[in-house]
Amino acid sequence: MQHQNWLITGVSTGLGRAFAEAALATGHTVTGTVRNHDDLRAFEALKPGHAHGRILDVTDTAAVPAVVDDTEHTVGPLDVVIANAGYGLEGIFEETSLADVRRQFDVNVFGAMATLQAALPHMRRRRRGHLMAVTSMAGLMAVPGMSAYCGSKFALEGVLEALGKEVAPFGIHVTAVEPGSFRTDWSGRSMTRAGRAISDYDELFTPIRQARQKASGNQLGNPAKAGEAVVRIAALERPPAHLVLGSDALRLIGAARRAVDDDIRTWETLSRSTDFPEGAQL
């Protein structure tokens, strides 16, 4: 496999760490972003000389391009960039403050966009590269109690699909990585949880929250295998635009897409009735 230079945001734990470890094990060089110096030292100790740590808050719009540019100049031209940094916000829509929703989008959407946007000029000049972002199965299906998180991931899916069409002429690939439930801290200590205040939602949401907390640490997905899958597609000449990870993600996304298709078919006549009679076809 040809050597590649990778940049991955959020490599302290979770899937970001798994992606980095898999790339390093394959012989690639990885620059990983973390939030503090202890995590930086721990990351660089994984493979000295090949694992390069950088302190970064992806919501700092001035710092993101500075880190990308520095990596290009000091480590080498980037072949693969993964916008992975993000977190989950759990809460009933009516009980979740707009301030918390904005923070969710600031990290999950705008942080990812800043990362990809900073890397793009370098890849465009070279006419090659692979941009990825970690969305979620929740970017293609939605569950109660996760409206802000699902909204942020749905938004990122739209960004990636449009971006892929814009940069394909330059030889740049774009992949949305859509994990299901993996055995990480995502639903445990890493998750932010909105407070409860409205008893009308107790019957629906209390069992959901309890089940998610109980499942933390026992999820079906193996992070190491997710890392191997991402390394595999990064080596392809024609990588997928969507990479679903996990059998639970396959099942839940499939069910969600069938439900949308059913609505489209059921209401097709009404949908068509809104055209002018002479309406032009797009």
C-alpha atoms as a PDB file:
ATOM      1  CA  MET A   1       0.000   0.000   0.000  1.00  0.00           C
ATOM      2  CA  GLN A   2       1.317   3.430  -0.947  1.00  0.00           C
ATOM      3  CA  HIS A   3       2.329   5.638   1.973  1.00  0.00           C
ATOM      4  CA  GLN A   4      -0.145   8.392   2.803  1.00  0.00           C
ATOM      5  CA  ASN A   5      -0.176  11.471   5.028  1.00  0.00           C
ATOM      6  CA  TRP A   6      -3.348  11.667   7.084  1.00  0.00           C
ATOM      7  CA  LEU A   7      -4.927  14.407   9.191  1.00  0.00           C
ATOM      8  CA  ILE A   8      -7.641  13.347  11.636  1.00  0.00           C
ATOM      9  CA  THR A   9      -9.417  15.647  14.069  1.00  0.00           C
ATOM     10  CA  GLY A  10     -10.325  14.326  17.502  1.00  0.00           C
ATOM     11  CA  VAL A  11      -7.912  11.413  18.033  1.00  0.00           C
ATOM     12  CA  SER A  12      -7.835  11.321  21.836  1.00  0.00           C
ATOM     13  CA  THR A  13     -10.446   8.570  22.073  1.00  0.00           C
ATOM     14  CA  GLY A  14     -13.200   6.800  20.191  1.00  0.00           C
ATOM     15  CA  LEU A  15     -13.391   6.293  16.471  1.00  0.00           C
ATOM     16  CA  GLY A  16     -10.887   9.066  15.767  1.00  0.00           C
ATOM     17  CA  ARG A  17      -8.305   7.189  17.781  1.00  0.00           C
ATOM     18  CA  ALA A  18      -9.236   3.914  16.040  1.00  0.00           C
ATOM     19  CA  PHE A  19      -8.853   5.496  12.600  1.00  0.00           C
ATOM     20  CA  ALA A  20      -5.445   6.882  13.572  1.00  0.00           C
ATOM     21  CA  GLU A  21      -4.204   3.605  15.023  1.00  0.00           C
ATOM     22  CA  ALA A  22      -5.276   1.681  11.921  1.00  0.00           C
ATOM     23  CA  ALA A  23      -3.563   4.163   9.604  1.00  0.00           C
ATOM     24  CA  LEU A  24      -0.374   4.103  11.691  1.00  0.00           C
ATOM     25  CA  ALA A  25      -0.402   0.297  11.768  1.00  0.00           C
ATOM     26  CA  THR A  26      -0.585   0.284   7.971  1.00  0.00           C
ATOM     27  CA  GLY A  27       2.522   2.460   7.734  1.00  0.00           C
ATOM     28  CA  HIS A  28       0.915   5.831   7.129  1.00  0.00           C
ATOM     29  CA  THR A  29       1.832   9.077   8.856  1.00  0.00           C
ATOM     30  CA  VAL A  30      -0.943  10.627  10.929  1.00  0.00           C
ATOM     31  CA  THR A  31      -1.333  14.125  12.288  1.00  0.00           C
ATOM     32  CA  GLY A  32      -4.031  14.025  14.935  1.00  0.00           C
ATOM     33  CA  THR A  33      -5.694  16.887  16.731  1.00  0.00           C
ATOM     34  CA  VAL A  34      -6.405  16.808  20.459  1.00  0.00           C
ATOM     35  CA  ARG A  35      -7.588  19.281  23.079  1.00  0.00           C
ATOM     36  CA  ASN A  36      -4.725  19.208  25.631  1.00  0.00           C
ATOM     37  CA  HIS A  37      -1.023  18.483  25.997  1.00  0.00           C
ATOM     38  CA  ASP A  38      -1.457  15.214  27.917  1.00  0.00           C
ATOM     39  CA  ASP A  39      -3.474  13.765  25.032  1.00  0.00           C
ATOM     40  CA  LEU A  40      -0.929  15.137  22.568  1.00  0.00           C
ATOM     41  CA  ARG A  41       1.935  13.317  24.265  1.00  0.00           C
ATOM     42  CA  ALA A  42      -0.093  10.096  24.508  1.00  0.00           C
ATOM     43  CA  PHE A  43      -0.945  10.241  20.824  1.00  0.00           C
ATOM     44  CA  GLU A  44       2.622  10.880  19.674  1.00  0.00           C
ATOM     45  CA  ALA A  45       3.802   7.975  21.832  1.00  0.00           C
ATOM     46  CA  LEU A  46       1.743   5.581  19.696  1.00  0.00           C
ATOM     47  CA  LYS A  47       4.385   5.702  16.974  1.00  0.00           C
ATOM     48  CA  PRO A  48       7.107   8.320  17.441  1.00  0.00           C
ATOM     49  CA  GLY A  49       8.054  10.016  14.216  1.00  0.00           C
ATOM     50  CA  HIS A  50       4.850   8.948  12.511  1.00  0.00           C
ATOM     51  CA  ALA A  51       2.166  10.202  14.933  1.00  0.00           C
ATOM     52  CA  HIS A  52       2.169  13.997  15.119  1.00  0.00           C
ATOM     53  CA  GLY A  53      -0.094  15.722  17.613  1.00  0.00           C
ATOM     54  CA  ARG A  54      -1.617  19.182  17.293  1.00  0.00           C
ATOM     55  CA  ILE A  55      -3.705  21.109  19.823  1.00  0.00           C
ATOM     56  CA  LEU A  56      -6.919  22.262  18.176  1.00  0.00           C
ATOM     57  CA  ASP A  57     -10.456  23.352  18.923  1.00  0.00           C
ATOM     58  CA  VAL A  58     -12.276  22.868  15.619  1.00  0.00           C
ATOM     59  CA  THR A  59     -14.626  25.733  16.444  1.00  0.00           C
ATOM     60  CA  ASP A  60     -11.687  28.168  16.318  1.00  0.00           C
ATOM     61  CA  THR A  61     -12.020  29.303  12.729  1.00  0.00           C
ATOM     62  CA  ALA A  62      -8.566  30.924  12.668  1.00  0.00           C
ATOM     63  CA  ALA A  63      -6.772  27.970  14.238  1.00  0.00           C
ATOM     64  CA  VAL A  64      -8.109  25.290  11.893  1.00  0.00           C
ATOM     65  CA  PRO A  65      -6.458  26.527   8.674  1.00  0.00           C
ATOM     66  CA  ALA A  66      -3.299  27.334  10.630  1.00  0.00           C
ATOM     67  CA  VAL A  67      -3.027  23.702  11.789  1.00  0.00           C
ATOM     68  CA  VAL A  68      -3.737  22.359   8.302  1.00  0.00           C
ATOM     69  CA  ASP A  69      -1.191  24.679   6.687  1.00  0.00           C
ATOM     70  CA  ASP A  70       1.416  23.857   9.328  1.00  0.00           C
ATOM     71  CA  THR A  71       0.875  20.132   8.770  1.00  0.00           C
ATOM     72  CA  GLU A  72       1.295  20.561   5.028  1.00  0.00           C
ATOM     73  CA  HIS A  73       4.588  22.407   5.524  1.00  0.00           C
ATOM     74  CA  THR A  74       6.121  20.406   8.377  1.00  0.00           C
ATOM     75  CA  VAL A  75       4.778  16.868   7.957  1.00  0.00           C
ATOM     76  CA  GLY A  76       3.987  16.687   4.257  1.00  0.00           C
ATOM     77  CA  PRO A  77       1.243  16.994   1.647  1.00  0.00           C
ATOM     78  CA  LEU A  78      -2.022  15.622   2.964  1.00  0.00           C
ATOM     79  CA  ASP A  79      -3.546  12.672   1.140  1.00  0.00           C
ATOM     80  CA  VAL A  80      -6.413  11.913   3.536  1.00  0.00           C
ATOM     81  CA  VAL A  81      -8.270  14.280   5.849  1.00  0.00           C
ATOM     82  CA  ILE A  82     -10.945  13.029   8.249  1.00  0.00           C
ATOM     83  CA  ALA A  83     -13.137  15.560  10.034  1.00  0.00           C
ATOM     84  CA  ASN A  84     -13.982  13.361  12.982  1.00  0.00           C
ATOM     85  CA  ALA A  85     -14.209  15.691  15.977  1.00  0.00           C
ATOM     86  CA  GLY A  86     -17.731  15.893  17.339  1.00  0.00           C
ATOM     87  CA  TYR A  87     -20.009  14.900  20.182  1.00  0.00           C
ATOM     88  CA  GLY A  88     -23.558  13.819  20.909  1.00  0.00           C
ATOM     89  CA  LEU A  89     -26.274  15.987  22.431  1.00  0.00           C
ATOM     90  CA  GLU A  90     -29.175  13.970  23.807  1.00  0.00           C
ATOM     91  CA  GLY A  91     -32.453  15.628  24.693  1.00  0.00           C
ATOM     92  CA  ILE A  92     -36.092  16.052  23.843  1.00  0.00           C
ATOM     93  CA  PHE A  93     -36.498  18.847  21.269  1.00  0.00           C
ATOM     94  CA  GLU A  94     -38.790  20.957  23.458  1.00  0.00           C
ATOM     95  CA  GLU A  95     -36.416  20.645  26.418  1.00  0.00           C
ATOM     96  CA  THR A  96     -33.170  21.408  24.558  1.00  0.00           C
ATOM     97  CA  SER A  97     -31.980  25.011  24.661  1.00  0.00           C
ATOM     98  CA  LEU A  98     -31.146  26.743  21.418  1.00  0.00           C
ATOM     99  CA  ALA A  99     -27.761  27.629  22.897  1.00  0.00           C
ATOM    100  CA  ASP A 100     -26.997  23.912  23.245  1.00  0.00           C
ATOM    101  CA  VAL A 101     -28.245  23.263  19.708  1.00  0.00           C
ATOM    102  CA  ARG A 102     -25.986  26.014  18.327  1.00  0.00           C
ATOM    103  CA  ARG A 103     -22.997  24.502  20.133  1.00  0.00           C
ATOM    104  CA  GLN A 104     -23.865  21.108  18.643  1.00  0.00           C
ATOM    105  CA  PHE A 105     -23.897  22.536  15.128  1.00  0.00           C
ATOM    106  CA  ASP A 106     -20.799  24.634  15.785  1.00  0.00           C
ATOM    107  CA  VAL A 107     -18.745  21.522  16.520  1.00  0.00           C
ATOM    108  CA  ASN A 108     -20.395  18.843  14.393  1.00  0.00           C
ATOM    109  CA  VAL A 109     -21.127  20.904  11.284  1.00  0.00           C
ATOM    110  CA  PHE A 110     -19.045  24.062  11.186  1.00  0.00           C
ATOM    111  CA  GLY A 111     -15.998  22.412  12.771  1.00  0.00           C
ATOM    112  CA  ALA A 112     -16.080  19.692  10.131  1.00  0.00           C
ATOM    113  CA  MET A 113     -16.633  22.213   7.339  1.00  0.00           C
ATOM    114  CA  ALA A 114     -13.722  24.343   8.553  1.00  0.00           C
ATOM    115  CA  THR A 115     -11.434  21.313   8.525  1.00  0.00           C
ATOM    116  CA  LEU A 116     -12.364  20.223   5.015  1.00  0.00           C
ATOM    117  CA  GLN A 117     -12.365  23.770   3.680  1.00  0.00           C
ATOM    118  CA  ALA A 118      -8.851  24.360   5.024  1.00  0.00           C
ATOM    119  CA  ALA A 119      -7.500  21.212   3.368  1.00  0.00           C
ATOM    120  CA  LEU A 120      -9.248  21.677   0.043  1.00  0.00           C
ATOM    121  CA  PRO A 121      -6.981  24.336  -1.562  1.00  0.00           C
ATOM    122  CA  HIS A 122      -3.920  22.122  -1.063  1.00  0.00           C
ATOM    123  CA  MET A 123      -5.634  19.076  -2.559  1.00  0.00           C
ATOM    124  CA  ARG A 124      -7.120  21.087  -5.408  1.00  0.00           C
ATOM    125  CA  ARG A 125      -3.689  22.381  -6.437  1.00  0.00           C
ATOM    126  CA  ARG A 126      -2.357  18.817  -6.490  1.00  0.00           C
ATOM    127  CA  ARG A 127      -5.508  17.486  -8.207  1.00  0.00           C
ATOM    128  CA  ARG A 128      -5.779  14.601  -5.764  1.00  0.00           C
ATOM    129  CA  GLY A 129      -6.849  13.770  -2.208  1.00  0.00           C
ATOM    130  CA  HIS A 130      -9.551  12.181  -0.111  1.00  0.00           C
ATOM    131  CA  LEU A 131     -11.781  14.190   2.213  1.00  0.00           C
ATOM    132  CA  MET A 132     -13.883  12.343   4.766  1.00  0.00           C
ATOM    133  CA  ALA A 133     -16.153  13.362   7.604  1.00  0.00           C
ATOM    134  CA  VAL A 134     -17.726  11.213  10.275  1.00  0.00           C
ATOM    135  CA  THR A 135     -21.459  11.737  10.207  1.00  0.00           C
ATOM    136  CA  SER A 136     -23.475   8.893  11.738  1.00  0.00           C
ATOM    137  CA  MET A 137     -26.266   6.518  10.958  1.00  0.00           C
ATOM    138  CA  ALA A 138     -28.175   9.428  12.556  1.00  0.00           C
ATOM    139  CA  GLY A 139     -27.333  11.461   9.465  1.00  0.00           C
ATOM    140  CA  LEU A 140     -29.609   9.191   7.409  1.00  0.00           C
ATOM    141  CA  MET A 141     -32.227   8.251  10.027  1.00  0.00           C
ATOM    142  CA  ALA A 142     -33.557   9.860  13.174  1.00  0.00           C
ATOM    143  CA  VAL A 143     -34.622   8.733  16.621  1.00  0.00           C
ATOM    144  CA  PRO A 144     -36.575  10.553  19.346  1.00  0.00           C
ATOM    145  CA  GLY A 145     -34.488  12.392  21.883  1.00  0.00           C
ATOM    146  CA  MET A 146     -31.643  13.200  19.492  1.00  0.00           C
ATOM    147  CA  SER A 147     -33.071  15.996  17.348  1.00  0.00           C
ATOM    148  CA  ALA A 148     -30.080  18.328  17.653  1.00  0.00           C
ATOM    149  CA  TYR A 149     -27.556  15.574  17.003  1.00  0.00           C
ATOM    150  CA  CYS A 150     -29.504  14.113  14.091  1.00  0.00           C
ATOM    151  CA  GLY A 151     -30.023  17.591  12.679  1.00  0.00           C
ATOM    152  CA  SER A 152     -26.295  18.287  12.761  1.00  0.00           C
ATOM    153  CA  LYS A 153     -25.471  15.010  11.061  1.00  0.00           C
ATOM    154  CA  PHE A 154     -28.187  15.389   8.423  1.00  0.00           C
ATOM    155  CA  ALA A 155     -26.740  18.834   7.679  1.00  0.00           C
ATOM    156  CA  LEU A 156     -23.229  17.436   7.327  1.00  0.00           C
ATOM    157  CA  GLU A 157     -24.487  14.737   4.969  1.00  0.00           C
ATOM    158  CA  GLY A 158     -25.873  17.425   2.670  1.00  0.00           C
ATOM    159  CA  VAL A 159     -22.628  19.376   2.747  1.00  0.00           C
ATOM    160  CA  LEU A 160     -20.594  16.295   1.851  1.00  0.00           C
ATOM    161  CA  GLU A 161     -22.852  15.222  -0.999  1.00  0.00           C
ATOM    162  CA  ALA A 162     -22.689  18.649  -2.613  1.00  0.00           C
ATOM    163  CA  LEU A 163     -18.955  18.965  -1.961  1.00  0.00           C
ATOM    164  CA  GLY A 164     -18.269  15.619  -3.600  1.00  0.00           C
ATOM    165  CA  LYS A 165     -19.909  16.809  -6.801  1.00  0.00           C
ATOM    166  CA  GLU A 166     -17.959  20.075  -6.755  1.00  0.00           C
ATOM    167  CA  VAL A 167     -14.491  18.562  -6.353  1.00  0.00           C
ATOM    168  CA  ALA A 168     -14.782  15.358  -8.382  1.00  0.00           C
ATOM    169  CA  PRO A 169     -13.373  17.115 -11.500  1.00  0.00           C
ATOM    170  CA  PHE A 170     -10.191  17.805  -9.521  1.00  0.00           C
ATOM    171  CA  GLY A 171      -9.562  14.159  -8.657  1.00  0.00           C
ATOM    172  CA  ILE A 172     -10.649  14.684  -5.039  1.00  0.00           C
ATOM    173  CA  HIS A 173     -12.870  12.088  -3.384  1.00  0.00           C
ATOM    174  CA  VAL A 174     -15.390  12.805  -0.618  1.00  0.00           C
ATOM    175  CA  THR A 175     -16.747  10.137   1.726  1.00  0.00           C
ATOM    176  CA  ALA A 176     -19.362  10.374   4.462  1.00  0.00           C
ATOM    177  CA  VAL A 177     -18.490   7.805   7.132  1.00  0.00           C
ATOM    178  CA  GLU A 178     -21.725   6.687   8.808  1.00  0.00           C
ATOM    179  CA  PRO A 179     -21.103   4.584  11.925  1.00  0.00           C
ATOM    180  CA  GLY A 180     -23.719   2.799  13.918  1.00  0.00           C
ATOM    181  CA  SER A 181     -23.226   2.086  17.611  1.00  0.00           C
ATOM    182  CA  PHE A 182     -19.578   1.391  18.406  1.00  0.00           C
ATOM    183  CA  ARG A 183     -17.931   0.463  21.675  1.00  0.00           C
ATOM    184  CA  THR A 184     -16.619   3.939  22.498  1.00  0.00           C
ATOM    185  CA  ASP A 185     -17.415   6.608  25.106  1.00  0.00           C
ATOM    186  CA  TRP A 186     -19.772   8.409  22.704  1.00  0.00           C
ATOM    187  CA  SER A 187     -22.945   7.502  24.607  1.00  0.00           C
ATOM    188  CA  GLY A 188     -21.211   7.513  27.991  1.00  0.00           C
ATOM    189  CA  ARG A 189     -18.989  10.230  29.417  1.00  0.00           C
ATOM    190  CA  SER A 190     -18.631  11.994  26.057  1.00  0.00           C
ATOM    191  CA  MET A 191     -22.345  12.661  25.612  1.00  0.00           C
ATOM    192  CA  THR A 192     -23.995  15.909  26.691  1.00  0.00           C
ATOM    193  CA  ARG A 193     -27.502  15.420  28.063  1.00  0.00           C
ATOM    194  CA  ALA A 194     -30.187  18.069  28.243  1.00  0.00           C
ATOM    195  CA  GLY A 195     -32.143  18.281  31.479  1.00  0.00           C
ATOM    196  CA  ARG A 196     -35.637  16.870  31.901  1.00  0.00           C
ATOM    197  CA  ALA A 197     -38.524  19.143  32.773  1.00  0.00           C
ATOM    198  CA  ILE A 198     -41.695  18.070  30.921  1.00  0.00           C
ATOM    199  CA  SER A 199     -43.383  14.961  32.299  1.00  0.00           C
ATOM    200  CA  ASP A 200     -45.441  14.443  29.138  1.00  0.00           C
ATOM    201  CA  TYR A 201     -42.330  12.962  27.518  1.00  0.00           C
ATOM    202  CA  ASP A 202     -41.425  10.588  30.359  1.00  0.00           C
ATOM    203  CA  GLU A 203     -43.163   7.523  28.954  1.00  0.00           C
ATOM    204  CA  LEU A 204     -41.426   7.899  25.589  1.00  0.00           C
ATOM    205  CA  PHE A 205     -37.989   9.125  26.560  1.00  0.00           C
ATOM    206  CA  THR A 206     -37.079   7.735  29.985  1.00  0.00           C
ATOM    207  CA  PRO A 207     -36.689   4.140  28.689  1.00  0.00           C
ATOM    208  CA  ILE A 208     -34.664   5.418  25.707  1.00  0.00           C
ATOM    209  CA  ARG A 209     -32.227   7.333  27.899  1.00  0.00           C
ATOM    210  CA  GLN A 210     -31.878   4.422  30.326  1.00  0.00           C
ATOM    211  CA  ALA A 211     -31.284   1.926  27.518  1.00  0.00           C
ATOM    212  CA  ARG A 212     -28.604   4.132  25.935  1.00  0.00           C
ATOM    213  CA  GLN A 213     -26.780   4.531  29.236  1.00  0.00           C
ATOM    214  CA  LYS A 214     -26.981   0.792  29.900  1.00  0.00           C
ATOM    215  CA  ALA A 215     -25.661  -0.043  26.426  1.00  0.00           C
ATOM    216  CA  SER A 216     -22.591   2.178  26.787  1.00  0.00           C
ATOM    217  CA  GLY A 217     -19.540  -0.059  26.623  1.00  0.00           C
ATOM    218  CA  ASN A 218     -21.524  -2.986  25.216  1.00  0.00           C
ATOM    219  CA  GLN A 219     -22.230  -1.758  21.698  1.00  0.00           C
ATOM    220  CA  LEU A 220     -21.994  -4.132  18.759  1.00  0.00           C
ATOM    221  CA  GLY A 221     -19.432  -2.182  16.736  1.00  0.00           C
ATOM    222  CA  ASN A 222     -15.685  -2.830  17.028  1.00  0.00           C
ATOM    223  CA  PRO A 223     -13.719   0.444  16.665  1.00  0.00           C
ATOM    224  CA  ALA A 224     -10.583  -1.365  15.453  1.00  0.00           C
ATOM    225  CA  LYS A 225     -12.525  -2.905  12.575  1.00  0.00           C
ATOM    226  CA  ALA A 226     -13.989   0.502  11.729  1.00  0.00           C
ATOM    227  CA  GLY A 227     -10.439   1.801  11.499  1.00  0.00           C
ATOM    228  CA  GLU A 228      -9.444  -1.014   9.159  1.00  0.00           C
ATOM    229  CA  ALA A 229     -12.468  -0.288   6.943  1.00  0.00           C
ATOM    230  CA  VAL A 230     -11.579   3.386   6.624  1.00  0.00           C
ATOM    231  CA  VAL A 231      -7.947   2.576   5.798  1.00  0.00           C
ATOM    232  CA  ARG A 232      -9.191   0.155   3.154  1.00  0.00           C
ATOM    233  CA  ILE A 233     -11.346   2.687   1.306  1.00  0.00           C
ATOM    234  CA  ALA A 234      -8.605   5.332   1.528  1.00  0.00           C
ATOM    235  CA  ALA A 235      -6.474   3.092  -0.693  1.00  0.00           C
ATOM    236  CA  LEU A 236      -9.093   2.747  -3.424  1.00  0.00           C
ATOM    237  CA  GLU A 237      -9.071   4.577  -6.732  1.00  0.00           C
ATOM    238  CA  ARG A 238     -12.854   4.853  -6.532  1.00  0.00           C
ATOM    239  CA  PRO A 239     -13.853   5.038  -2.858  1.00  0.00           C
ATOM    240  CA  PRO A 240     -17.524   5.181  -1.875  1.00  0.00           C
ATOM    241  CA  ALA A 241     -19.350   8.433  -1.265  1.00  0.00           C
ATOM    242  CA  HIS A 242     -21.057   6.732   1.692  1.00  0.00           C
ATOM    243  CA  LEU A 243     -19.478   4.211   4.044  1.00  0.00           C
ATOM    244  CA  VAL A 244     -21.969   2.722   6.483  1.00  0.00           C
ATOM    245  CA  LEU A 245     -20.262   0.976   9.397  1.00  0.00           C
ATOM    246  CA  GLY A 246     -22.062  -1.655  11.451  1.00  0.00           C
ATOM    247  CA  SER A 247     -24.945  -4.047  10.918  1.00  0.00           C
ATOM    248  CA  ASP A 248     -27.205  -1.961  13.161  1.00  0.00           C
ATOM    249  CA  ALA A 249     -26.569   1.057  10.943  1.00  0.00           C
ATOM    250  CA  LEU A 250     -27.419  -0.975   7.840  1.00  0.00           C
ATOM    251  CA  ARG A 251     -30.691  -2.124   9.392  1.00  0.00           C
ATOM    252  CA  LEU A 252     -31.828   1.249  10.763  1.00  0.00           C
ATOM    253  CA  ILE A 253     -30.793   3.305   7.737  1.00  0.00           C
ATOM    254  CA  GLY A 254     -32.503   0.800   5.437  1.00  0.00           C
ATOM    255  CA  ALA A 255     -35.746   1.041   7.408  1.00  0.00           C
ATOM    256  CA  ALA A 256     -35.621   4.847   7.405  1.00  0.00           C
ATOM    257  CA  ARG A 257     -35.038   5.052   3.669  1.00  0.00           C
ATOM    258  CA  ARG A 258     -37.887   2.632   2.975  1.00  0.00           C
ATOM    259  CA  ALA A 259     -40.214   4.818   5.060  1.00  0.00           C
ATOM    260  CA  VAL A 260     -39.270   7.871   2.982  1.00  0.00           C
ATOM    261  CA  ASP A 261     -39.764   5.932  -0.249  1.00  0.00           C
ATOM    262  CA  ASP A 262     -43.188   4.786   0.971  1.00  0.00           C
ATOM    263  CA  ASP A 263     -44.267   8.383   1.633  1.00  0.00           C
ATOM    264  CA  ILE A 264     -43.025   9.491  -1.769  1.00  0.00           C
ATOM    265  CA  ARG A 265     -44.961   6.738  -3.534  1.00  0.00           C
ATOM    266  CA  THR A 266     -48.106   7.221  -1.443  1.00  0.00           C
ATOM    267  CA  TRP A 267     -48.276  10.968  -2.090  1.00  0.00           C
ATOM    268  CA  GLU A 268     -46.891  11.025  -5.623  1.00  0.00           C
ATOM    269  CA  THR A 269     -50.141  12.230  -7.186  1.00  0.00           C
ATOM    270  CA  LEU A 270     -50.450  15.135  -4.758  1.00  0.00           C
ATOM    271  CA  SER A 271     -46.786  16.005  -5.294  1.00  0.00           C
ATOM    272  CA  ARG A 272     -47.258  16.177  -9.072  1.00  0.00           C
ATOM    273  CA  SER A 273     -50.423  18.257  -8.717  1.00  0.00           C
ATOM    274  CA  THR A 274     -48.429  21.301  -7.550  1.00  0.00           C
ATOM    275  CA  ASP A 275     -46.793  21.872 -10.968  1.00  0.00           C
ATOM    276  CA  PHE A 276     -48.011  24.377 -13.537  1.00  0.00           C
ATOM    277  CA  PRO A 277     -49.518  22.356 -16.403  1.00  0.00           C
ATOM    278  CA  GLU A 278     -46.687  23.433 -18.694  1.00  0.00           C
ATOM    279  CA  GLY A 279     -44.035  23.020 -15.972  1.00  0.00           C
ATOM    280  CA  ALA A 280     -40.554  22.352 -17.325  1.00  0.00           C
ATOM    281  CA  GLN A 281     -38.700  19.218 -16.264  1.00  0.00           C
ATOM    282  CA  LEU A 282     -35.558  19.779 -14.248  1.00  0.00           C
END
